[in-house]
Amino acid sequence: MINPMIGMPQGAEWLVILAIVVLVFGAAKLPELARSSGQALRIFKTETKDLRDGDKADKQATAEQREIETRNEATGATGSTGATTDPATGEVVHERRDDTTA
């Protein structure tokens, strides 16, 4: 049998929980913590909405994606790595290497 005394915190319990949170994180960190939690929740909501929309999100490119595609087409499909790709097949035709990394 479930104990009826165990349940959701009420009144005074919330104050105790809030006091513990302030002691653990500090009063200066709470606004930053709330802001980052809100951003994470917003990102989560948009991602789940995109998953529900399915193919609609795949077909519509964002403005940033269109800008990157336009820039790649203007530079002859050469990205920041210096690799030139064949526009028809997408295969790397020529790759420029520098010997600065192993």
Protein backbone atom coordinates (compact mmCIF):
# COMPACT_ATOMS: atom_id res chain seq x y z
CA MET A 1 0.00 0.00 0.00
CA ILE A 2 1.24 3.48 -0.85
CA ASN A 3 1.85 5.78 2.08
CA PRO A 4 -0.49 8.80 1.80
CA MET A 5 2.13 11.06 3.45
CA ILE A 6 4.41 10.82 0.39
CA GLY A 7 3.33 13.14 -2.38
CA MET A 8 4.00 16.45 -4.03
CA PRO A 9 5.77 19.08 -1.91
CA GLN A 10 3.52 21.84 -0.63
CA GLY A 11 4.04 25.30 0.90
CA ALA A 12 6.86 24.96 3.42
CA GLU A 13 8.54 22.11 1.56
CA TRP A 14 8.99 24.32 -1.53
CA LEU A 15 10.64 26.98 0.64
CA VAL A 16 13.08 24.41 2.04
CA ILE A 17 13.86 23.13 -1.47
CA LEU A 18 14.40 26.70 -2.72
CA ALA A 19 16.72 27.45 0.21
CA ILE A 20 18.79 24.34 -0.55
CA VAL A 21 19.02 25.29 -4.24
CA VAL A 22 20.21 28.80 -3.33
CA LEU A 23 22.83 27.36 -0.97
CA VAL A 24 24.08 24.84 -3.54
CA PHE A 25 24.22 27.09 -6.60
CA GLY A 26 24.49 30.54 -5.06
CA ALA A 27 22.16 33.47 -5.67
CA ALA A 28 24.32 34.90 -8.48
CA LYS A 29 24.16 31.67 -10.51
CA LEU A 30 20.38 31.19 -10.35
CA PRO A 31 19.45 33.60 -13.20
CA GLU A 32 22.09 32.02 -15.46
CA LEU A 33 20.86 28.54 -14.51
CA ALA A 34 17.25 29.50 -15.26
CA ARG A 35 18.25 31.09 -18.59
CA SER A 36 20.21 28.03 -19.73
CA SER A 37 17.36 25.73 -18.64
CA GLY A 38 14.91 27.83 -20.66
CA GLN A 39 17.14 27.70 -23.74
CA ALA A 40 17.53 23.93 -23.41
CA LEU A 41 13.75 23.53 -23.09
CA ARG A 42 13.19 25.76 -26.15
CA ILE A 43 15.68 23.72 -28.21
CA PHE A 44 14.05 20.48 -27.05
CA LYS A 45 10.60 21.74 -28.06
CA THR A 46 11.75 22.81 -31.54
CA GLU A 47 13.54 19.51 -32.12
CA THR A 48 10.51 17.46 -31.11
CA LYS A 49 8.31 19.65 -33.32
CA ASP A 50 10.70 19.10 -36.23
CA LEU A 51 10.56 15.35 -35.66
CA ARG A 52 6.76 15.45 -35.73
CA ASP A 53 6.74 17.52 -38.91
CA GLY A 54 8.93 14.94 -40.60
CA ASP A 55 9.73 15.58 -44.24
CA LYS A 56 8.51 19.17 -44.18
CA ALA A 57 11.55 20.25 -42.17
CA ASP A 58 13.89 18.34 -44.51
CA LYS A 59 12.56 20.06 -47.62
CA GLN A 60 12.72 23.61 -46.28
CA ALA A 61 16.26 24.96 -45.97
CA THR A 62 16.96 27.67 -43.46
CA ALA A 63 18.41 31.00 -44.56
CA GLU A 64 21.80 30.00 -43.14
CA GLN A 65 21.79 26.72 -45.10
CA ARG A 66 20.90 28.55 -48.32
CA GLU A 67 23.70 31.07 -47.70
CA ILE A 68 26.25 28.29 -47.20
CA GLU A 69 25.10 26.50 -50.36
CA THR A 70 25.31 29.74 -52.34
CA ARG A 71 28.80 30.43 -50.98
CA ASN A 72 29.93 26.89 -51.87
CA GLU A 73 28.58 27.23 -55.40
CA ALA A 74 30.28 30.61 -55.84
CA THR A 75 33.67 29.29 -54.72
CA GLY A 76 33.51 26.23 -56.94
CA ALA A 77 32.45 23.93 -54.10
CA THR A 78 35.68 24.52 -52.20
CA GLY A 79 35.09 24.51 -48.48
CA SER A 80 37.28 25.57 -45.59
CA THR A 81 39.29 22.35 -45.93
CA GLY A 82 40.43 23.29 -49.42
CA ALA A 83 38.79 20.24 -50.97
CA THR A 84 37.27 20.72 -54.42
CA THR A 85 34.22 18.56 -55.05
CA ASP A 86 32.54 17.58 -58.28
CA PRO A 87 29.13 19.30 -58.29
CA ALA A 88 27.48 16.41 -60.15
CA THR A 89 28.63 13.56 -57.91
CA GLY A 90 29.74 15.31 -54.73
CA GLU A 91 33.03 13.38 -54.74
CA VAL A 92 36.29 15.03 -53.72
CA VAL A 93 38.29 15.79 -56.86
CA HIS A 94 41.24 17.65 -55.37
CA GLU A 95 42.16 18.14 -51.75
CA ARG A 96 44.66 20.76 -50.62
CA ARG A 97 46.72 19.71 -47.63
CA ASP A 98 49.05 21.61 -45.40
CA ASP A 99 51.67 19.80 -43.39
CA THR A 100 50.93 21.58 -40.15
CA THR A 101 48.99 18.70 -38.61
CA ALA A 102 49.84 15.05 -38.35
